[in-house]
Protein backbone atom coordinates (compact mmCIF):
# COMPACT_ATOMS: atom_id res chain seq x y z
CA MET A 1 73.28 141.36 140.18
CA HIS A 2 72.29 142.19 136.94
CA ASP A 3 68.85 140.70 136.38
CA LYS A 4 67.75 142.46 139.95
CA ILE A 5 69.12 145.70 138.50
CA LYS A 6 66.92 144.21 134.50
CA GLN A 7 63.67 143.67 137.61
CA ASP A 8 63.86 147.12 138.92
CA LYS A 9 60.72 149.36 138.16
CA GLN A 10 63.08 152.66 137.90
CA ILE A 11 64.76 151.40 135.77
CA ILE A 12 62.54 149.77 133.50
CA LYS A 13 61.19 153.46 133.84
CA PHE A 14 64.55 155.15 132.59
CA CYS A 15 64.98 152.24 129.87
CA PHE A 16 61.77 153.58 128.44
CA TYR A 17 62.64 156.69 128.46
CA GLY A 18 65.33 156.73 126.03
CA PHE A 19 63.10 154.56 123.92
CA PHE A 20 60.33 157.31 123.41
CA LYS A 21 63.03 160.07 123.34
CA ASN A 22 64.70 158.52 120.27
CA LEU A 23 61.59 157.96 118.14
CA LYS A 24 62.62 161.29 116.17
CA PHE A 25 60.78 159.62 112.99
CA PHE A 26 62.07 163.17 111.44
CA GLU A 27 66.14 162.13 111.77
CA PRO A 28 67.41 159.55 108.43
CA TYR A 29 65.09 162.19 106.92
CA LEU A 30 65.71 165.91 108.00
CA LEU A 31 68.56 166.94 105.38
CA VAL A 32 66.47 165.85 102.89
CA TYR A 33 63.43 167.59 104.01
CA LEU A 34 65.25 170.63 104.85
CA ILE A 35 66.68 170.46 100.65
CA SER A 36 63.31 170.45 99.53
CA LEU A 37 62.18 173.99 101.50
CA GLY A 38 64.86 175.07 99.37
CA HIS A 39 67.55 175.63 101.40
CA SER A 40 71.07 175.71 100.56
CA LEU A 41 73.90 173.83 102.88
CA PHE A 42 75.68 176.61 104.68
CA THR A 43 71.97 178.19 105.56
CA ILE A 44 71.24 174.38 106.50
CA GLY A 45 74.66 174.78 108.49
CA SER A 46 73.75 178.52 109.89
CA LEU A 47 70.08 176.92 111.04
CA PHE A 48 72.00 174.13 112.68
CA ALA A 49 74.70 176.61 114.04
CA PHE A 50 71.97 179.15 115.91
CA ARG A 51 70.52 175.72 117.95
CA GLU A 52 73.76 174.91 118.87
CA ILE A 53 73.99 178.59 120.15
CA ILE A 54 71.71 178.74 122.28
CA VAL A 55 72.21 175.13 123.18
CA TYR A 56 75.65 177.13 123.97
CA VAL A 57 74.44 179.76 126.09
CA PHE A 58 71.65 178.07 128.22
CA GLU A 59 73.53 174.31 128.67
CA ILE A 60 75.26 175.57 132.09
CA PRO A 61 72.54 177.66 132.86
CA SER A 62 70.35 174.84 132.91
CA GLY A 63 72.61 172.23 134.62
CA MET A 64 72.52 175.05 137.97
CA ILE A 65 69.32 174.70 137.22
CA ALA A 66 68.30 171.45 137.77
CA ASP A 67 71.07 170.98 140.46
CA HIS A 68 68.82 173.83 142.50
CA TYR A 69 65.43 173.25 141.45
CA GLY A 70 65.80 169.57 140.58
CA LYS A 71 66.28 167.36 137.75
CA ARG A 72 62.68 166.19 137.35
CA LYS A 73 61.21 169.61 137.04
CA GLU A 74 63.54 170.60 134.02
CA LEU A 75 63.25 166.94 132.12
CA LEU A 76 59.17 168.08 132.19
CA LEU A 77 60.57 171.92 130.78
CA CYS A 78 62.47 170.40 127.62
CA PHE A 79 59.75 168.17 126.54
CA ALA A 80 57.61 171.11 126.40
CA PHE A 81 60.22 172.83 124.33
CA TYR A 82 60.41 170.06 121.94
CA ILE A 83 56.87 169.18 121.50
CA VAL A 84 56.63 173.18 120.50
CA SER A 85 60.02 172.89 118.25
CA PHE A 86 57.95 170.09 115.95
CA VAL A 87 55.13 172.49 115.50
CA PHE A 88 57.33 175.10 114.24
CA PHE A 89 59.35 172.45 112.06
CA PHE A 90 55.51 170.87 110.53
CA ILE A 91 55.21 174.53 109.20
CA GLY A 92 58.20 174.59 107.65
CA SER A 93 58.53 178.46 106.68
CA PHE A 94 62.22 180.60 107.16
CA TRP A 95 61.35 182.08 110.07
CA ALA A 96 58.87 178.87 111.29
CA LEU A 97 62.36 177.04 111.21
CA VAL A 98 64.35 179.58 113.26
CA LEU A 99 62.18 179.34 115.73
CA ALA A 100 61.93 175.58 115.86
CA VAL A 101 65.67 175.15 116.36
CA LEU A 102 65.46 178.05 118.64
CA PHE A 103 63.10 175.67 120.69
CA TYR A 104 64.93 172.25 119.89
CA GLY A 105 67.40 174.49 121.28
CA LEU A 106 66.23 174.98 124.38
CA GLY A 107 65.18 171.75 124.85
CA GLU A 108 68.45 169.83 123.99
CA ALA A 109 70.33 172.06 126.59
CA PHE A 110 67.29 171.93 129.73
CA ARG A 111 67.68 167.90 128.74
CA SER A 112 71.50 167.35 128.60
CA GLY A 113 73.09 165.99 131.39
CA THR A 114 70.37 165.95 133.71
CA HIS A 115 68.75 162.17 132.70
CA LYS A 116 71.95 160.89 133.28
CA ALA A 117 72.36 162.83 136.52
CA MET A 118 69.55 161.07 137.99
CA ILE A 119 70.65 158.14 137.17
CA ILE A 120 73.42 157.96 138.36
CA SER A 121 72.16 159.31 142.34
CA PHE A 122 69.63 156.13 141.42
CA LEU A 123 72.36 153.55 141.41
CA GLU A 124 74.20 155.25 144.43
CA GLN A 125 70.70 154.77 146.20
CA ARG A 126 70.52 152.28 145.41
CA GLY A 127 73.81 150.56 146.64
CA TRP A 128 74.90 150.35 142.94
CA ALA A 129 77.12 152.51 142.00
CA ASP A 130 79.85 150.34 140.74
CA GLU A 131 77.23 148.95 137.40
CA LYS A 132 77.19 152.41 136.04
CA THR A 133 78.46 151.16 132.64
CA PHE A 134 76.10 147.76 132.62
CA VAL A 135 73.37 150.24 133.26
CA TYR A 136 74.01 153.29 130.82
CA GLY A 137 75.04 150.38 128.36
CA ARG A 138 71.05 149.07 129.42
CA THR A 139 69.23 151.96 129.05
CA ARG A 140 71.65 153.59 126.42
CA SER A 141 70.33 150.17 124.27
CA PHE A 142 66.70 150.97 124.94
CA SER A 143 67.36 154.62 123.19
CA LEU A 144 69.31 153.09 120.47
CA LEU A 145 66.50 150.05 119.90
CA GLY A 146 63.79 153.37 120.15
CA SER A 147 65.91 154.77 117.31
CA ALA A 148 65.78 151.50 115.05
CA LEU A 149 62.32 151.24 115.23
CA SER A 150 61.71 155.24 114.24
CA ALA A 151 64.49 154.14 110.80
CA LEU A 152 61.81 151.76 109.97
CA LEU A 153 58.26 152.74 111.08
CA SER A 154 59.41 156.12 108.87
CA ILE A 155 59.55 154.74 105.95
CA VAL A 156 55.98 153.58 106.27
CA PHE A 157 55.50 157.46 107.30
CA VAL A 158 57.07 159.23 104.26
CA LEU A 159 55.13 156.16 101.79
CA ASN A 160 52.41 157.17 103.21
CA LEU A 161 52.22 160.72 104.69
CA PRO A 162 50.79 163.97 102.09
CA GLY A 163 54.62 164.83 102.95
CA LEU A 164 57.71 164.71 104.78
CA ARG A 165 56.81 167.41 107.20
CA PHE A 166 53.65 165.57 109.26
CA ILE A 167 56.65 163.33 110.07
CA PHE A 168 56.84 165.68 112.67
CA LEU A 169 53.27 165.57 114.33
CA ILE A 170 53.43 161.80 114.72
CA ALA A 171 56.46 162.36 116.32
CA ILE A 172 54.78 164.69 118.84
CA ILE A 173 53.18 161.61 120.28
CA PRO A 174 56.11 159.92 122.12
CA TYR A 175 57.42 163.10 123.16
CA ILE A 176 53.89 163.74 124.85
CA ALA A 177 54.03 159.95 126.85
CA ASP A 178 57.72 160.82 127.40
CA PHE A 179 56.59 163.56 129.64
CA PHE A 180 54.11 161.41 131.94
CA LEU A 181 56.68 158.76 132.07
CA ILE A 182 58.77 161.60 133.84
CA LEU A 183 56.18 162.85 136.08
CA SER A 184 55.86 158.87 137.60
CA TYR A 185 59.53 159.67 138.39
CA PRO A 186 60.07 159.16 142.25
CA ASP A 187 60.48 163.23 144.02
CA GLU A 188 63.89 161.81 145.32
CA LEU A 189 65.27 161.86 141.73
CA ASP A 190 64.42 165.94 142.28
CA GLU A 191 67.59 166.29 144.26
CA PRO A 192 67.15 170.28 144.33
CA SER A 193 69.35 171.87 146.48
CA GLY A 194 67.05 173.65 148.53
CA ALA A 195 69.08 176.81 148.81
CA GLU A 196 67.63 180.40 148.85
CA TYR A 197 68.04 181.75 145.50
CA SER A 198 68.59 184.96 144.55
CA PHE A 199 70.64 186.07 141.14
CA SER A 200 74.43 186.32 143.75
CA ALA A 201 73.80 183.10 145.26
CA PHE A 202 72.89 181.14 141.69
CA LYS A 203 75.84 183.57 140.66
CA GLU A 204 78.27 181.95 142.89
CA LEU A 205 77.22 178.81 142.93
CA GLY A 206 78.36 178.74 139.47
CA ILE A 207 81.31 180.11 140.21
CA GLY A 208 81.95 177.29 142.59
CA HIS A 209 81.22 174.42 140.22
CA LEU A 210 84.07 175.80 137.50
CA LYS A 211 86.63 176.49 140.43
CA SER A 212 85.87 173.00 141.79
CA LEU A 213 86.40 171.80 137.73
CA ARG A 214 89.45 174.06 136.83
CA THR A 215 91.25 171.76 139.78
CA ASN A 216 89.77 168.70 138.60
CA ARG A 217 92.19 167.61 135.65
CA LYS A 218 91.22 164.23 135.03
CA LEU A 219 87.55 165.56 134.64
CA LYS A 220 88.55 168.55 132.39
CA SER A 221 90.68 165.73 129.88
CA VAL A 222 87.37 163.67 129.91
CA LEU A 223 85.01 165.76 129.36
CA LEU A 224 86.72 167.84 126.52
CA SER A 225 87.06 164.63 124.82
CA SER A 226 83.71 163.90 124.64
CA ALA A 227 82.89 167.16 123.56
CA LEU A 228 85.76 167.20 121.07
CA TYR A 229 84.57 163.63 118.99
CA ASP A 230 80.87 164.28 119.62
CA GLY A 231 81.03 167.53 118.71
CA VAL A 232 83.04 166.56 115.07
CA PHE A 233 80.31 163.29 114.72
CA LYS A 234 77.30 165.38 115.16
CA THR A 235 78.03 168.12 112.77
CA ILE A 236 78.77 165.79 109.47
CA LYS A 237 76.70 162.58 110.14
CA ASP A 238 73.23 163.83 108.80
CA TYR A 239 75.32 164.11 104.93
CA ILE A 240 75.21 160.64 104.06
CA GLN A 241 71.27 161.28 103.42
CA PRO A 242 71.84 163.39 99.87
CA ILE A 243 74.50 161.36 99.36
CA VAL A 244 72.55 158.28 99.55
CA LEU A 245 69.90 159.49 97.96
CA VAL A 246 72.44 160.95 94.64
CA LEU A 247 73.86 157.45 94.58
CA VAL A 248 70.70 156.20 93.77
CA MET A 249 69.15 158.13 91.46
CA THR A 250 73.00 158.58 89.71
CA THR A 251 73.82 154.97 89.53
CA GLY A 252 69.80 153.18 89.19
CA LEU A 253 71.06 151.24 92.11
CA PHE A 254 68.28 149.22 94.24
CA ARG A 255 65.42 148.94 91.97
CA MET A 256 62.56 148.18 94.08
CA GLY A 257 59.52 146.89 92.17
CA SER A 258 56.88 150.63 90.92
CA LEU A 259 59.04 153.15 93.56
CA GLU A 260 59.92 156.40 92.33
CA VAL A 261 63.43 157.75 92.94
CA ASP A 262 62.85 159.51 95.46
CA GLN A 263 61.02 157.15 97.22
CA ARG A 264 63.71 154.09 96.86
CA GLY A 265 66.23 156.33 98.36
CA LYS A 266 64.27 157.57 101.69
CA VAL A 267 63.53 153.50 101.72
CA ILE A 268 67.42 152.75 101.74
CA LEU A 269 68.15 155.64 104.32
CA GLY A 270 65.26 154.11 107.08
CA VAL A 271 66.40 150.47 106.79
CA MET A 272 70.47 151.97 106.69
CA TYR A 273 69.39 153.69 110.42
CA PHE A 274 67.72 150.76 111.51
CA VAL A 275 70.64 148.28 110.90
CA PHE A 276 72.70 151.26 112.29
CA TYR A 277 70.78 152.03 115.35
CA MET A 278 70.16 147.54 115.70
CA CYS A 279 73.94 147.19 116.01
CA SER A 280 74.89 150.20 118.09
CA SER A 281 72.06 149.10 120.71
CA PHE A 282 74.08 145.66 120.33
CA VAL A 283 77.25 147.40 121.71
CA SER A 284 76.18 149.45 124.04
CA ARG A 285 73.77 146.86 125.82
CA ASN A 286 77.28 144.53 125.96
CA LEU A 287 79.80 146.69 126.59
CA TYR A 288 80.14 146.32 130.15
CA LEU A 289 81.57 142.83 129.23
CA VAL A 290 84.27 144.11 127.21
CA THR A 291 85.44 146.62 130.00
CA ARG A 292 85.59 143.05 132.12
CA ARG A 293 88.84 142.91 130.14
CA ILE A 294 89.59 145.31 128.66
CA SER A 295 90.18 148.70 130.01
CA ALA A 296 87.50 151.91 129.78
CA LYS A 297 89.64 154.84 129.91
CA TRP A 298 91.70 153.04 126.99
CA LEU A 299 88.98 152.09 124.47
CA PHE A 300 88.20 155.56 125.56
CA ASP A 301 91.22 156.90 124.10
CA ILE A 302 91.73 155.44 121.42
CA SER A 303 88.41 155.82 119.67
CA PHE A 304 89.47 158.45 118.21
CA ILE A 305 92.77 157.22 116.16
CA VAL A 306 89.99 154.98 115.13
CA SER A 307 88.09 157.46 114.20
CA GLY A 308 90.50 159.51 112.11
CA ALA A 309 91.46 156.52 109.70
CA ILE A 310 87.14 156.04 109.85
CA PHE A 311 86.90 159.42 108.28
CA LEU A 312 90.04 159.18 105.62
CA SER A 313 88.47 155.50 104.55
CA LEU A 314 85.28 157.55 104.41
CA ALA A 315 86.54 160.14 101.69
CA TYR A 316 87.94 157.63 99.68
CA PHE A 317 84.43 155.97 99.29
CA ILE A 318 82.23 158.85 98.31
CA ARG A 319 85.07 160.07 95.87
CA THR A 320 84.98 156.79 94.46
CA GLY A 321 80.78 156.32 94.40
CA THR A 322 81.32 153.01 96.57
CA VAL A 323 77.91 152.90 98.54
CA VAL A 324 78.50 149.63 100.81
CA GLY A 325 81.96 151.24 102.18
CA ILE A 326 80.24 154.24 102.63
CA THR A 327 77.67 152.73 104.42
CA VAL A 328 80.42 150.19 106.47
CA CYS A 329 81.79 153.74 107.16
CA PHE A 330 79.14 155.15 108.40
CA PHE A 331 77.65 151.73 110.10
CA LEU A 332 81.27 151.96 112.43
CA LEU A 333 81.26 155.61 112.83
CA TYR A 334 78.16 154.65 114.44
CA ILE A 335 79.53 151.79 116.31
CA LEU A 336 82.03 154.06 118.59
CA LYS A 337 79.72 157.15 119.01
CA ASP A 338 77.40 154.84 120.48
CA GLY A 339 79.44 153.08 122.56
CA ARG A 340 81.65 155.73 124.39
CA ARG A 341 78.74 157.03 125.60
CA PRO A 342 78.77 154.67 128.21
CA LEU A 343 82.20 154.91 128.71
CA PHE A 344 82.19 158.59 128.87
CA VAL A 345 79.45 158.35 132.00
CA GLU A 346 81.05 155.88 133.29
CA ILE A 347 84.46 157.46 133.57
CA ALA A 348 83.37 161.01 134.11
CA SER A 349 81.03 159.65 136.84
CA ARG A 350 84.68 158.53 139.13
CA TYR A 351 85.37 162.55 138.60
CA MET A 352 82.59 164.47 140.00
CA LYS A 353 80.88 165.70 142.94
CA LYS A 354 76.91 164.81 143.79
CA ASN A 355 75.54 168.05 143.95
CA GLU A 356 77.44 169.43 141.05
CA ARG A 357 77.29 166.29 138.42
CA ALA A 358 74.26 168.35 135.37
CA THR A 359 76.09 170.97 136.24
CA MET A 360 79.74 168.93 134.78
CA LEU A 361 77.40 167.37 132.22
CA SER A 362 76.41 170.78 130.72
CA ILE A 363 79.93 171.85 130.36
CA GLU A 364 80.46 168.97 127.89
CA SER A 365 77.97 169.43 126.10
CA GLN A 366 78.02 173.23 125.81
CA LEU A 367 82.28 173.24 124.47
CA ARG A 368 80.06 170.59 122.07
CA ALA A 369 77.47 173.12 121.37
CA LEU A 370 80.64 175.69 120.68
CA LEU A 371 82.57 173.35 118.65
CA MET A 372 79.37 173.13 116.25
CA ILE A 373 78.12 176.12 116.07
CA VAL A 374 82.09 177.00 113.78
CA PHE A 375 81.57 173.50 112.18
CA ALA A 376 77.95 173.69 111.03
CA PRO A 377 77.76 176.48 108.93
CA LEU A 378 81.96 175.70 107.15
CA CYS A 379 80.87 172.28 106.46
CA GLY A 380 77.34 173.00 104.90
CA PHE A 381 79.73 176.11 102.78
CA ILE A 382 82.02 173.28 101.82
CA ALA A 383 79.46 170.44 100.70
CA ASP A 384 77.79 173.56 98.28
CA SER A 385 81.11 173.95 97.35
CA PHE A 386 82.21 170.90 95.98
CA PRO A 387 78.32 168.62 94.85
CA LEU A 388 78.22 165.55 96.17
CA GLU A 389 82.45 165.38 96.32
CA HIS A 390 82.32 165.94 100.17
CA TYR A 391 84.71 163.61 99.70
CA LEU A 392 87.03 167.08 101.10
CA LEU A 393 84.62 167.98 104.03
CA TYR A 394 85.33 163.97 105.65
CA TYR A 395 89.37 164.29 105.18
CA LEU A 396 89.50 167.15 106.64
CA CYS A 397 87.58 165.78 109.98
CA SER A 398 90.11 162.69 108.89
CA ILE A 399 92.96 164.98 109.80
CA SER A 400 91.32 166.60 112.70
CA CYS A 401 90.01 164.25 114.57
CA SER A 402 93.99 162.31 113.18
CA THR A 403 95.39 165.83 115.24
CA LEU A 404 93.60 166.57 118.32
CA SER A 405 93.68 162.68 119.44
CA ILE A 406 97.52 163.21 119.01
CA ILE A 407 97.61 165.85 121.16
CA TYR A 408 94.59 164.41 123.02
CA LEU A 409 97.09 161.42 124.14
CA LEU A 410 99.93 163.58 124.00
CA GLU A 411 98.32 165.63 127.09
CA ARG A 412 96.69 162.22 128.52
CA PHE A 413 99.96 159.51 128.45
CA VAL A 414 103.18 161.90 128.69
CA ILE A 415 102.77 165.69 130.11
CA GLU A 416 103.08 165.56 133.55
CA GLU A 417 102.45 169.14 133.84
CA ASN A 418 99.13 170.85 133.48
CA TYR A 419 99.65 173.74 130.82
CA GLY A 420 96.30 175.00 130.77
CA ILE A 421 95.45 173.74 127.65
CA GLU A 422 91.62 172.06 128.72
CA LEU A 423 91.63 175.61 131.19
CA ARG A 424 91.87 177.47 127.85
CA LEU A 425 88.71 176.26 126.18
CA LEU A 426 86.41 176.15 129.15
CA ARG A 427 87.37 179.49 128.88
CA LEU A 428 86.16 180.07 125.86
CA VAL A 429 83.22 178.31 126.28
CA THR A 430 82.40 179.27 129.86
CA GLY A 431 83.50 183.63 129.43
CA ILE A 432 84.12 183.17 132.68
CA SER A 433 86.79 185.94 132.78
CA TYR A 434 87.73 184.99 136.72
CA LEU A 435 89.74 181.60 135.83
CA ARG A 436 93.58 181.66 135.88
CA ILE A 437 96.17 179.21 134.67
């Protein structure tokens, strides 16, 4: 069965979609680039928060548009947004950056959940619904291979291009390739509802999906767990970039011939991201073998507690300036993050109706965006207030992960009565006041 799935033409297209999408040559240096433009970490955090506000506002409408008009059409639109965003990042002025994060946020909102919903629908059409962990793990492994290759190529680019901003122009090329790849997807993956559009009908559709989620306690629990975990990780993951550069400059580690200090730091960042993504790709591709022996739900739940311990260790290593320890901790966090996504798709798909998948996955992304709206500028302020001594940030992450994991696991395994914790958060996210506990 697995050999047949691997050779399927559409599965191969799904894999290359993720490969091209993750050729983000700027990723290892995004924070470094923004700092080089003279912006404080608080300002950068505020820009990230603005991006997440755009995601927050458009997440659920984008999911409903995908379910209503067609998923392929929405993906084409999202890649157009990404390409416009990269052009504004290249320009680099403050207001250009504002427009860049605006269009990037639109791209994220219109993409998130849509392609996963297409994969799930395709597997059901082929009778392969029980192979979700294998298929999504495989497609995600290609995405991570793209990230790994991107990290290696980015080293070549930063050493030879006139400036970091030119990386954004090069990043447009694989996104154009993905645009045409999506055009080649079969029409049956669009799956538009075909209903006549009106504002009232559109509103009723959204309310109907949220009412469905209100009564689906298991799905609410899984969506919240994924959003909380990814929200914390995405907020702090880029802070490794200035930390590594400062440690390289202050300790004189990793001398590389005639390369200047800042060039050495950029090479090290590229190599680190390459190793992270190669190992994450291996884990994602082979995770289905682990789930044959250990419950996917148990693995999904326990990762919160493990992450809390890793953040605590990371804070200690940053405080002591231990580069190897910092690298190992970030490596483990990336492995956990990328291992959770196939598990999330497998578990969440069990509880979602066919005609609301994109919407439900958008709700998860929207909640994650809400968390980042709060955390991104806060983390930037903390990092500005404690130069290099960012360990305080990771102590807070450790406490947050540990507290959230305890609350979540207690609610999941001990409390039988639903006290409405998830629903209150969903009401906050959606702004729909009609929901009642």
